[in-house]
PDB file of N, CA and C in Angstrom:
ATOM      1  N   MET A   1     -67.078  35.539  34.676  1.00  0.00           N
ATOM      2  CA  MET A   1     -68.240  36.153  34.077  1.00  0.00           C
ATOM      3  C   MET A   1     -68.517  37.474  34.796  1.00  0.00           C
ATOM      4  N   LEU A   2     -68.723  38.497  34.028  1.00  0.00           N
ATOM      5  CA  LEU A   2     -69.095  39.799  34.572  1.00  0.00           C
ATOM      6  C   LEU A   2     -70.608  39.833  34.735  1.00  0.00           C
ATOM      7  N   VAL A   3     -71.088  40.174  35.910  1.00  0.00           N
ATOM      8  CA  VAL A   3     -72.524  40.266  36.172  1.00  0.00           C
ATOM      9  C   VAL A   3     -72.862  41.726  36.435  1.00  0.00           C
ATOM     10  N   LEU A   4     -73.819  42.258  35.664  1.00  0.00           N
ATOM     11  CA  LEU A   4     -74.237  43.650  35.794  1.00  0.00           C
ATOM     12  C   LEU A   4     -75.739  43.719  36.017  1.00  0.00           C
ATOM     13  N   ALA A   5     -76.169  44.655  36.815  1.00  0.00           N
ATOM     14  CA  ALA A   5     -77.602  44.909  36.992  1.00  0.00           C
ATOM     15  C   ALA A   5     -77.972  46.091  36.103  1.00  0.00           C
ATOM     16  N   ARG A   6     -79.036  45.966  35.333  1.00  0.00           N
ATOM     17  CA  ARG A   6     -79.505  47.027  34.445  1.00  0.00           C
ATOM     18  C   ARG A   6     -81.011  47.158  34.598  1.00  0.00           C
ATOM     19  N   LYS A   7     -81.492  48.370  34.468  1.00  0.00           N
ATOM     20  CA  LYS A   7     -82.926  48.631  34.477  1.00  0.00           C
ATOM     21  C   LYS A   7     -83.384  48.810  33.038  1.00  0.00           C
ATOM     22  N   SER A   8     -84.674  48.885  32.848  1.00  0.00           N
ATOM     23  CA  SER A   8     -85.238  49.087  31.518  1.00  0.00           C
ATOM     24  C   SER A   8     -84.653  50.352  30.890  1.00  0.00           C
ATOM     25  N   ASN A   9     -84.335  50.277  29.616  1.00  0.00           N
ATOM     26  CA  ASN A   9     -83.739  51.362  28.817  1.00  0.00           C
ATOM     27  C   ASN A   9     -82.287  51.675  29.166  1.00  0.00           C
ATOM     28  N   GLU A  10     -81.653  50.874  30.001  1.00  0.00           N
ATOM     29  CA  GLU A  10     -80.224  51.028  30.260  1.00  0.00           C
ATOM     30  C   GLU A  10     -79.464  50.073  29.352  1.00  0.00           C
ATOM     31  N   SER A  11     -78.218  50.417  29.072  1.00  0.00           N
ATOM     32  CA  SER A  11     -77.466  49.607  28.104  1.00  0.00           C
ATOM     33  C   SER A  11     -76.096  49.224  28.622  1.00  0.00           C
ATOM     34  N   ILE A  12     -75.463  48.330  27.881  1.00  0.00           N
ATOM     35  CA  ILE A  12     -74.102  47.865  28.129  1.00  0.00           C
ATOM     36  C   ILE A  12     -73.371  47.954  26.802  1.00  0.00           C
ATOM     37  N   ASN A  13     -72.193  48.543  26.796  1.00  0.00           N
ATOM     38  CA  ASN A  13     -71.375  48.606  25.586  1.00  0.00           C
ATOM     39  C   ASN A  13     -70.290  47.537  25.658  1.00  0.00           C
ATOM     40  N   ILE A  14     -70.101  46.848  24.538  1.00  0.00           N
ATOM     41  CA  ILE A  14     -69.026  45.867  24.404  1.00  0.00           C
ATOM     42  C   ILE A  14     -68.131  46.366  23.282  1.00  0.00           C
ATOM     43  N   GLY A  15     -66.937  46.773  23.634  1.00  0.00           N
ATOM     44  CA  GLY A  15     -66.054  47.354  22.633  1.00  0.00           C
ATOM     45  C   GLY A  15     -66.637  48.663  22.126  1.00  0.00           C
ATOM     46  N   ASP A  16     -66.266  48.997  20.891  1.00  0.00           N
ATOM     47  CA  ASP A  16     -66.718  50.262  20.311  1.00  0.00           C
ATOM     48  C   ASP A  16     -67.992  50.144  19.497  1.00  0.00           C
ATOM     49  N   ASP A  17     -68.366  48.907  19.107  1.00  0.00           N
ATOM     50  CA  ASP A  17     -69.463  48.803  18.142  1.00  0.00           C
ATOM     51  C   ASP A  17     -70.564  47.811  18.507  1.00  0.00           C
ATOM     52  N   ILE A  18     -70.636  47.394  19.778  1.00  0.00           N
ATOM     53  CA  ILE A  18     -71.732  46.517  20.201  1.00  0.00           C
ATOM     54  C   ILE A  18     -72.403  47.149  21.418  1.00  0.00           C
ATOM     55  N   VAL A  19     -73.728  47.302  21.324  1.00  0.00           N
ATOM     56  CA  VAL A  19     -74.510  47.876  22.425  1.00  0.00           C
ATOM     57  C   VAL A  19     -75.671  46.935  22.717  1.00  0.00           C
ATOM     58  N   ILE A  20     -75.807  46.547  23.979  1.00  0.00           N
ATOM     59  CA  ILE A  20     -76.935  45.718  24.417  1.00  0.00           C
ATOM     60  C   ILE A  20     -77.797  46.587  25.324  1.00  0.00           C
ATOM     61  N   THR A  21     -79.087  46.701  24.971  1.00  0.00           N
ATOM     62  CA  THR A  21     -80.012  47.558  25.717  1.00  0.00           C
ATOM     63  C   THR A  21     -81.146  46.713  26.277  1.00  0.00           C
ATOM     64  N   VAL A  22     -81.477  46.929  27.541  1.00  0.00           N
ATOM     65  CA  VAL A  22     -82.639  46.279  28.148  1.00  0.00           C
ATOM     66  C   VAL A  22     -83.863  47.044  27.662  1.00  0.00           C
ATOM     67  N   LEU A  23     -84.697  46.388  26.845  1.00  0.00           N
ATOM     68  CA  LEU A  23     -85.881  47.045  26.297  1.00  0.00           C
ATOM     69  C   LEU A  23     -87.057  47.010  27.257  1.00  0.00           C
ATOM     70  N   SER A  24     -87.260  45.845  27.889  1.00  0.00           N
ATOM     71  CA  SER A  24     -88.353  45.742  28.857  1.00  0.00           C
ATOM     72  C   SER A  24     -88.132  44.534  29.753  1.00  0.00           C
ATOM     73  N   ILE A  25     -88.797  44.584  30.907  1.00  0.00           N
ATOM     74  CA  ILE A  25     -88.761  43.472  31.856  1.00  0.00           C
ATOM     75  C   ILE A  25     -90.208  43.179  32.211  1.00  0.00           C
ATOM     76  N   GLU A  26     -90.675  41.980  31.860  1.00  0.00           N
ATOM     77  CA  GLU A  26     -92.072  41.598  32.111  1.00  0.00           C
ATOM     78  C   GLU A  26     -92.085  40.216  32.739  1.00  0.00           C
ATOM     79  N   GLY A  27     -92.459  40.160  34.015  1.00  0.00           N
ATOM     80  CA  GLY A  27     -92.471  38.870  34.700  1.00  0.00           C
ATOM     81  C   GLY A  27     -91.054  38.299  34.738  1.00  0.00           C
ATOM     82  N   GLY A  28     -90.893  37.088  34.238  1.00  0.00           N
ATOM     83  CA  GLY A  28     -89.589  36.442  34.222  1.00  0.00           C
ATOM     84  C   GLY A  28     -88.858  36.599  32.903  1.00  0.00           C
ATOM     85  N   THR A  29     -89.325  37.520  32.047  1.00  0.00           N
ATOM     86  CA  THR A  29     -88.732  37.691  30.728  1.00  0.00           C
ATOM     87  C   THR A  29     -88.095  39.069  30.596  1.00  0.00           C
ATOM     88  N   VAL A  30     -86.867  39.069  30.105  1.00  0.00           N
ATOM     89  CA  VAL A  30     -86.158  40.315  29.830  1.00  0.00           C
ATOM     90  C   VAL A  30     -85.987  40.407  28.323  1.00  0.00           C
ATOM     91  N   LYS A  31     -86.433  41.504  27.732  1.00  0.00           N
ATOM     92  CA  LYS A  31     -86.244  41.716  26.294  1.00  0.00           C
ATOM     93  C   LYS A  31     -85.015  42.592  26.101  1.00  0.00           C
ATOM     94  N   LEU A  32     -84.080  42.074  25.280  1.00  0.00           N
ATOM     95  CA  LEU A  32     -82.836  42.782  25.009  1.00  0.00           C
ATOM     96  C   LEU A  32     -82.791  43.211  23.556  1.00  0.00           C
ATOM     97  N   GLY A  33     -82.207  44.359  23.319  1.00  0.00           N
ATOM     98  CA  GLY A  33     -81.929  44.810  21.965  1.00  0.00           C
ATOM     99  C   GLY A  33     -80.420  44.799  21.785  1.00  0.00           C
ATOM    100  N   VAL A  34     -79.954  44.285  20.658  1.00  0.00           N
ATOM    101  CA  VAL A  34     -78.523  44.212  20.402  1.00  0.00           C
ATOM    102  C   VAL A  34     -78.203  44.969  19.120  1.00  0.00           C
ATOM    103  N   GLU A  35     -77.327  45.936  19.225  1.00  0.00           N
ATOM    104  CA  GLU A  35     -76.825  46.654  18.055  1.00  0.00           C
ATOM    105  C   GLU A  35     -75.395  46.185  17.841  1.00  0.00           C
ATOM    106  N   ALA A  36     -75.147  45.607  16.642  1.00  0.00           N
ATOM    107  CA  ALA A  36     -73.814  45.091  16.331  1.00  0.00           C
ATOM    108  C   ALA A  36     -73.622  45.118  14.821  1.00  0.00           C
ATOM    109  N   PRO A  37     -72.373  45.142  14.365  1.00  0.00           N
ATOM    110  CA  PRO A  37     -72.115  45.082  12.923  1.00  0.00           C
ATOM    111  C   PRO A  37     -72.666  43.787  12.331  1.00  0.00           C
ATOM    112  N   LYS A  38     -72.995  43.821  11.034  1.00  0.00           N
ATOM    113  CA  LYS A  38     -73.565  42.653  10.370  1.00  0.00           C
ATOM    114  C   LYS A  38     -72.646  41.441  10.419  1.00  0.00           C
ATOM    115  N   GLU A  39     -71.331  41.668  10.451  1.00  0.00           N
ATOM    116  CA  GLU A  39     -70.404  40.537  10.424  1.00  0.00           C
ATOM    117  C   GLU A  39     -70.303  39.812  11.768  1.00  0.00           C
ATOM    118  N   VAL A  40     -70.913  40.359  12.818  1.00  0.00           N
ATOM    119  CA  VAL A  40     -70.931  39.704  14.125  1.00  0.00           C
ATOM    120  C   VAL A  40     -72.110  38.744  14.163  1.00  0.00           C
ATOM    121  N   LYS A  41     -71.831  37.457  14.401  1.00  0.00           N
ATOM    122  CA  LYS A  41     -72.904  36.468  14.489  1.00  0.00           C
ATOM    123  C   LYS A  41     -73.569  36.554  15.857  1.00  0.00           C
ATOM    124  N   LEU A  42     -74.887  36.666  15.851  1.00  0.00           N
ATOM    125  CA  LEU A  42     -75.658  36.697  17.078  1.00  0.00           C
ATOM    126  C   LEU A  42     -76.609  35.509  17.071  1.00  0.00           C
ATOM    127  N   LEU A  43     -76.457  34.617  18.045  1.00  0.00           N
ATOM    128  CA  LEU A  43     -77.327  33.452  18.150  1.00  0.00           C
ATOM    129  C   LEU A  43     -77.795  33.302  19.591  1.00  0.00           C
ATOM    130  N   ARG A  44     -79.056  32.901  19.760  1.00  0.00           N
ATOM    131  CA  ARG A  44     -79.524  32.546  21.100  1.00  0.00           C
ATOM    132  C   ARG A  44     -78.733  31.334  21.564  1.00  0.00           C
ATOM    133  N   GLY A  45     -78.530  31.206  22.854  1.00  0.00           N
ATOM    134  CA  GLY A  45     -77.729  30.117  23.415  1.00  0.00           C
ATOM    135  C   GLY A  45     -78.180  28.738  22.973  1.00  0.00           C
ATOM    136  N   GLU A  46     -79.496  28.495  23.000  1.00  0.00           N
ATOM    137  CA  GLU A  46     -79.999  27.161  22.636  1.00  0.00           C
ATOM    138  C   GLU A  46     -79.806  26.873  21.153  1.00  0.00           C
ATOM    139  N   VAL A  47     -79.869  27.888  20.302  1.00  0.00           N
ATOM    140  CA  VAL A  47     -79.634  27.701  18.869  1.00  0.00           C
ATOM    141  C   VAL A  47     -78.156  27.388  18.636  1.00  0.00           C
ATOM    142  N   TYR A  48     -77.272  28.124  19.304  1.00  0.00           N
ATOM    143  CA  TYR A  48     -75.835  27.887  19.189  1.00  0.00           C
ATOM    144  C   TYR A  48     -75.477  26.461  19.605  1.00  0.00           C
ATOM    145  N   GLU A  49     -76.078  25.982  20.699  1.00  0.00           N
ATOM    146  CA  GLU A  49     -75.816  24.615  21.172  1.00  0.00           C
ATOM    147  C   GLU A  49     -76.287  23.579  20.159  1.00  0.00           C
ATOM    148  N   ARG A  50     -77.453  23.770  19.540  1.00  0.00           N
ATOM    149  CA  ARG A  50     -77.952  22.821  18.529  1.00  0.00           C
ATOM    150  C   ARG A  50     -77.041  22.788  17.319  1.00  0.00           C
ATOM    151  N   ILE A  51     -76.594  23.959  16.863  1.00  0.00           N
ATOM    152  CA  ILE A  51     -75.703  24.018  15.708  1.00  0.00           C
ATOM    153  C   ILE A  51     -74.381  23.334  16.025  1.00  0.00           C
ATOM    154  N   THR A  52     -73.829  23.601  17.200  1.00  0.00           N
ATOM    155  CA  THR A  52     -72.565  22.982  17.599  1.00  0.00           C
ATOM    156  C   THR A  52     -72.705  21.467  17.666  1.00  0.00           C
ATOM    157  N   LYS A  53     -73.797  20.978  18.244  1.00  0.00           N
ATOM    158  CA  LYS A  53     -74.024  19.536  18.344  1.00  0.00           C
ATOM    159  C   LYS A  53     -74.151  18.908  16.953  1.00  0.00           C
ATOM    160  N   ALA A  54     -74.889  19.546  16.062  1.00  0.00           N
ATOM    161  CA  ALA A  54     -75.056  19.023  14.702  1.00  0.00           C
ATOM    162  C   ALA A  54     -73.723  19.003  13.961  1.00  0.00           C
ATOM    163  N   ASN A  55     -72.905  20.042  14.137  1.00  0.00           N
ATOM    164  CA  ASN A  55     -71.596  20.077  13.483  1.00  0.00           C
ATOM    165  C   ASN A  55     -70.681  18.984  14.000  1.00  0.00           C
ATOM    166  N   LEU A  56     -70.702  18.738  15.311  1.00  0.00           N
ATOM    167  CA  LEU A  56     -69.867  17.680  15.878  1.00  0.00           C
ATOM    168  C   LEU A  56     -70.302  16.303  15.386  1.00  0.00           C
ATOM    169  N   GLU A  57     -71.613  16.089  15.292  1.00  0.00           N
ATOM    170  CA  GLU A  57     -72.115  14.811  14.790  1.00  0.00           C
ATOM    171  C   GLU A  57     -71.734  14.616  13.331  1.00  0.00           C
ATOM    172  N   ALA A  58     -71.816  15.683  12.542  1.00  0.00           N
ATOM    173  CA  ALA A  58     -71.454  15.589  11.123  1.00  0.00           C
ATOM    174  C   ALA A  58     -69.958  15.352  10.954  1.00  0.00           C
ATOM    175  N   ALA A  59     -69.156  15.895  11.859  1.00  0.00           N
ATOM    176  CA  ALA A  59     -67.700  15.749  11.760  1.00  0.00           C
ATOM    177  C   ALA A  59     -67.224  14.397  12.266  1.00  0.00           C
ATOM    178  N   ASP A  60     -68.080  13.671  12.966  1.00  0.00           N
ATOM    179  CA  ASP A  60     -67.697  12.366  13.512  1.00  0.00           C
ATOM    180  C   ASP A  60     -67.834  11.307  12.426  1.00  0.00           C
ATOM    181  N   THR A  61     -67.011  11.435  11.400  1.00  0.00           N
ATOM    182  CA  THR A  61     -67.085  10.578  10.229  1.00  0.00           C
ATOM    183  C   THR A  61     -66.370   9.269  10.485  1.00  0.00           C
ATOM    184  N   ASP A  62     -66.939   8.196  10.015  1.00  0.00           N
ATOM    185  CA  ASP A  62     -66.306   6.878  10.100  1.00  0.00           C
ATOM    186  C   ASP A  62     -65.335   6.759   8.937  1.00  0.00           C
ATOM    187  N   PHE A  63     -64.032   6.738   9.234  1.00  0.00           N
ATOM    188  CA  PHE A  63     -63.042   6.717   8.174  1.00  0.00           C
ATOM    189  C   PHE A  63     -63.000   5.383   7.431  1.00  0.00           C
ATOM    190  N   ASN A  64     -63.697   4.359   7.944  1.00  0.00           N
ATOM    191  CA  ASN A  64     -63.819   3.114   7.176  1.00  0.00           C
ATOM    192  C   ASN A  64     -64.593   3.354   5.886  1.00  0.00           C
ATOM    193  N   PHE A  65     -65.463   4.341   5.893  1.00  0.00           N
ATOM    194  CA  PHE A  65     -66.196   4.710   4.689  1.00  0.00           C
ATOM    195  C   PHE A  65     -65.216   5.075   3.580  1.00  0.00           C
ATOM    196  N   PHE A  66     -64.174   5.825   3.937  1.00  0.00           N
ATOM    197  CA  PHE A  66     -63.186   6.232   2.943  1.00  0.00           C
ATOM    198  C   PHE A  66     -62.377   5.034   2.443  1.00  0.00           C
ATOM    199  N   ASN A  67     -62.119   4.066   3.325  1.00  0.00           N
ATOM    200  CA  ASN A  67     -61.426   2.852   2.884  1.00  0.00           C
ATOM    201  C   ASN A  67     -62.279   2.083   1.884  1.00  0.00           C
ATOM    202  N   THR A  68     -63.584   2.077   2.082  1.00  0.00           N
ATOM    203  CA  THR A  68     -64.487   1.426   1.137  1.00  0.00           C
ATOM    204  C   THR A  68     -64.435   2.143  -0.207  1.00  0.00           C
ATOM    205  N   LEU A  69     -64.388   3.459  -0.172  1.00  0.00           N
ATOM    206  CA  LEU A  69     -64.265   4.221  -1.412  1.00  0.00           C
ATOM    207  C   LEU A  69     -62.966   3.892  -2.137  1.00  0.00           C
ATOM    208  N   ALA A  70     -61.889   3.720  -1.375  1.00  0.00           N
ATOM    209  CA  ALA A  70     -60.590   3.452  -1.981  1.00  0.00           C
ATOM    210  C   ALA A  70     -60.579   2.114  -2.701  1.00  0.00           C
ATOM    211  N   ALA A  71     -61.425   1.171  -2.264  1.00  0.00           N
ATOM    212  CA  ALA A  71     -61.485  -0.132  -2.915  1.00  0.00           C
ATOM    213  C   ALA A  71     -62.044  -0.008  -4.327  1.00  0.00           C
ATOM    214  N   ASP A  72     -62.810   1.029  -4.567  1.00  0.00           N
ATOM    215  CA  ASP A  72     -63.344   1.297  -5.896  1.00  0.00           C
ATOM    216  C   ASP A  72     -62.212   1.840  -6.755  1.00  0.00           C
ATOM    217  N   SER A  73     -62.009   1.284  -7.896  1.00  0.00           N
ATOM    218  CA  SER A  73     -60.879   1.684  -8.734  1.00  0.00           C
ATOM    219  C   SER A  73     -61.038   3.084  -9.307  1.00  0.00           C
ATOM    220  N   MET A  74     -62.200   3.686  -9.163  1.00  0.00           N
ATOM    221  CA  MET A  74     -62.438   5.006  -9.723  1.00  0.00           C
ATOM    222  C   MET A  74     -62.064   6.126  -8.744  1.00  0.00           C
ATOM    223  N   VAL A  75     -61.765   5.777  -7.491  1.00  0.00           N
ATOM    224  CA  VAL A  75     -61.552   6.804  -6.481  1.00  0.00           C
ATOM    225  C   VAL A  75     -60.244   6.560  -5.745  1.00  0.00           C
ATOM    226  N   ALA A  76     -59.482   7.607  -5.510  1.00  0.00           N
ATOM    227  CA  ALA A  76     -58.277   7.546  -4.681  1.00  0.00           C
ATOM    228  C   ALA A  76     -58.543   8.327  -3.412  1.00  0.00           C
ATOM    229  N   VAL A  77     -58.234   7.727  -2.269  1.00  0.00           N
ATOM    230  CA  VAL A  77     -58.473   8.373  -0.987  1.00  0.00           C
ATOM    231  C   VAL A  77     -57.136   8.538  -0.285  1.00  0.00           C
ATOM    232  N   GLN A  78     -56.906   9.744   0.234  1.00  0.00           N
ATOM    233  CA  GLN A  78     -55.671  10.002   0.954  1.00  0.00           C
ATOM    234  C   GLN A  78     -56.013  10.673   2.268  1.00  0.00           C
ATOM    235  N   VAL A  79     -55.601  10.051   3.367  1.00  0.00           N
ATOM    236  CA  VAL A  79     -55.784  10.649   4.688  1.00  0.00           C
ATOM    237  C   VAL A  79     -54.441  11.209   5.098  1.00  0.00           C
ATOM    238  N   ASP A  80     -54.378  12.515   5.239  1.00  0.00           N
ATOM    239  CA  ASP A  80     -53.126  13.192   5.544  1.00  0.00           C
ATOM    240  C   ASP A  80     -53.050  13.435   7.047  1.00  0.00           C
ATOM    241  N   GLN A  81     -52.404  12.525   7.771  1.00  0.00           N
ATOM    242  CA  GLN A  81     -52.299  12.638   9.224  1.00  0.00           C
ATOM    243  C   GLN A  81     -51.322  13.739   9.630  1.00  0.00           C
ATOM    244  N   SER A  82     -50.414  14.124   8.733  1.00  0.00           N
ATOM    245  CA  SER A  82     -49.405  15.117   9.092  1.00  0.00           C
ATOM    246  C   SER A  82     -49.904  16.546   8.908  1.00  0.00           C
ATOM    247  N   ALA A  83     -50.966  16.721   8.138  1.00  0.00           N
ATOM    248  CA  ALA A  83     -51.480  18.073   7.880  1.00  0.00           C
ATOM    249  C   ALA A  83     -52.186  18.596   9.111  1.00  0.00           C
ATOM    250  N   SER A  84     -52.411  19.880   9.115  1.00  0.00           N
ATOM    251  CA  SER A  84     -53.131  20.462  10.244  1.00  0.00           C
ATOM    252  C   SER A  84     -54.535  19.876  10.280  1.00  0.00           C
ATOM    253  N   VAL A  85     -54.989  19.539  11.461  1.00  0.00           N
ATOM    254  CA  VAL A  85     -56.301  18.913  11.595  1.00  0.00           C
ATOM    255  C   VAL A  85     -57.373  19.976  11.628  1.00  0.00           C
ATOM    256  N   THR A  86     -58.604  19.551  11.450  1.00  0.00           N
ATOM    257  CA  THR A  86     -59.732  20.475  11.469  1.00  0.00           C
ATOM    258  C   THR A  86     -60.020  20.892  12.903  1.00  0.00           C
ATOM    259  N   ALA A  87     -61.001  21.761  13.062  1.00  0.00           N
ATOM    260  CA  ALA A  87     -61.367  22.238  14.396  1.00  0.00           C
ATOM    261  C   ALA A  87     -61.862  21.107  15.286  1.00  0.00           C
ATOM    262  N   CYS A  88     -62.271  19.992  14.696  1.00  0.00           N
ATOM    263  CA  CYS A  88     -62.780  18.864  15.468  1.00  0.00           C
ATOM    264  C   CYS A  88     -61.697  17.813  15.680  1.00  0.00           C
ATOM    265  N   ASP A  89     -60.439  18.149  15.470  1.00  0.00           N
ATOM    266  CA  ASP A  89     -59.314  17.231  15.609  1.00  0.00           C
ATOM    267  C   ASP A  89     -59.440  16.022  14.701  1.00  0.00           C
ATOM    268  N   ARG A  90     -59.937  16.230  13.511  1.00  0.00           N
ATOM    269  CA  ARG A  90     -60.037  15.178  12.507  1.00  0.00           C
ATOM    270  C   ARG A  90     -58.984  15.432  11.436  1.00  0.00           C
ATOM    271  N   PRO A  91     -58.381  14.380  10.895  1.00  0.00           N
ATOM    272  CA  PRO A  91     -57.367  14.586   9.856  1.00  0.00           C
ATOM    273  C   PRO A  91     -57.984  15.095   8.559  1.00  0.00           C
ATOM    274  N   VAL A  92     -57.159  15.693   7.743  1.00  0.00           N
ATOM    275  CA  VAL A  92     -57.597  16.185   6.446  1.00  0.00           C
ATOM    276  C   VAL A  92     -57.699  14.991   5.503  1.00  0.00           C
ATOM    277  N   VAL A  93     -58.824  14.873   4.809  1.00  0.00           N
ATOM    278  CA  VAL A  93     -59.061  13.763   3.892  1.00  0.00           C
ATOM    279  C   VAL A  93     -59.323  14.328   2.510  1.00  0.00           C
ATOM    280  N   SER A  94     -58.636  13.798   1.515  1.00  0.00           N
ATOM    281  CA  SER A  94     -58.934  14.228   0.148  1.00  0.00           C
ATOM    282  C   SER A  94     -59.377  13.017  -0.660  1.00  0.00           C
ATOM    283  N   VAL A  95     -60.436  13.189  -1.420  1.00  0.00           N
ATOM    284  CA  VAL A  95     -60.972  12.129  -2.274  1.00  0.00           C
ATOM    285  C   VAL A  95     -60.925  12.660  -3.698  1.00  0.00           C
ATOM    286  N   THR A  96     -60.212  11.947  -4.568  1.00  0.00           N
ATOM    287  CA  THR A  96     -60.100  12.374  -5.960  1.00  0.00           C
ATOM    288  C   THR A  96     -60.466  11.227  -6.878  1.00  0.00           C
ATOM    289  N   ARG A  97     -60.927  11.574  -8.048  1.00  0.00           N
ATOM    290  CA  ARG A  97     -61.286  10.574  -9.042  1.00  0.00           C
ATOM    291  C   ARG A  97     -60.025  10.176  -9.797  1.00  0.00           C
ATOM    292  N   LYS A  98     -59.798   8.873  -9.917  1.00  0.00           N
ATOM    293  CA  LYS A  98     -58.649   8.390 -10.676  1.00  0.00           C
ATOM    294  C   LYS A  98     -58.931   8.520 -12.161  1.00  0.00           C
ATOM    295  N   ARG A  99     -57.887   8.829 -12.916  1.00  0.00           N
ATOM    296  CA  ARG A  99     -58.035   8.895 -14.366  1.00  0.00           C
ATOM    297  C   ARG A  99     -57.932   7.485 -14.941  1.00  0.00           C
ATOM    298  N   LYS A 100     -58.782   7.235 -15.893  1.00  0.00           N
ATOM    299  CA  LYS A 100     -58.711   5.942 -16.585  1.00  0.00           C
ATOM    300  C   LYS A 100     -57.501   5.948 -17.501  1.00  0.00           C
ATOM    301  N   LYS A 101     -56.781   4.845 -17.510  1.00  0.00           N
ATOM    302  CA  LYS A 101     -55.649   4.732 -18.397  1.00  0.00           C
ATOM    303  C   LYS A 101     -56.169   4.470 -19.806  1.00  0.00           C
ATOM    304  N   ASN A 102     -55.695   5.251 -20.741  1.00  0.00           N
ATOM    305  CA  ASN A 102     -56.115   5.120 -22.128  1.00  0.00           C
ATOM    306  C   ASN A 102     -55.001   4.393 -22.870  1.00  0.00           C
ATOM    307  N   PRO A 103     -55.225   3.130 -23.257  1.00  0.00           N
ATOM    308  CA  PRO A 103     -54.159   2.360 -23.927  1.00  0.00           C
ATOM    309  C   PRO A 103     -53.789   2.967 -25.278  1.00  0.00           C
ATOM    310  N   GLU A 104     -54.649   3.752 -25.872  1.00  0.00           N
ATOM    311  CA  GLU A 104     -54.359   4.330 -27.179  1.00  0.00           C
ATOM    312  C   GLU A 104     -53.450   5.552 -27.079  1.00  0.00           C
ATOM    313  N   SER A 105     -53.278   6.097 -25.883  1.00  0.00           N
ATOM    314  CA  SER A 105     -52.487   7.308 -25.734  1.00  0.00           C
ATOM    315  C   SER A 105     -50.978   7.034 -25.723  1.00  0.00           C
ATOM    316  N   ARG A 106     -50.567   5.788 -25.686  1.00  0.00           N
ATOM    317  CA  ARG A 106     -49.131   5.471 -25.640  1.00  0.00           C
ATOM    318  C   ARG A 106     -48.550   5.366 -26.993  1.00  0.00           C
TER     319      ARG A 106
END
């Protein structure tokens, strides 16, 4: 980690298009201004941690649920263990609706 000391109205450049400026220092609070392109996501640390935790909990899917779906004759479930896994190291799962066989179509 790079540690820099900055005074009020001093800035730090990151690359060519991100500038962080110390706007004010009051007591134990430092106000920062960040100039960055719109496509750069900026999140406070605690918000980023909450989002990451929620995503991990959502990705922790019980695959027995998919086996229950497969028991239903209307749904086909395929767990592809050989495909590239998601960012959470979970296999790719596809759920498709089975077509009803039409006896009149033969």
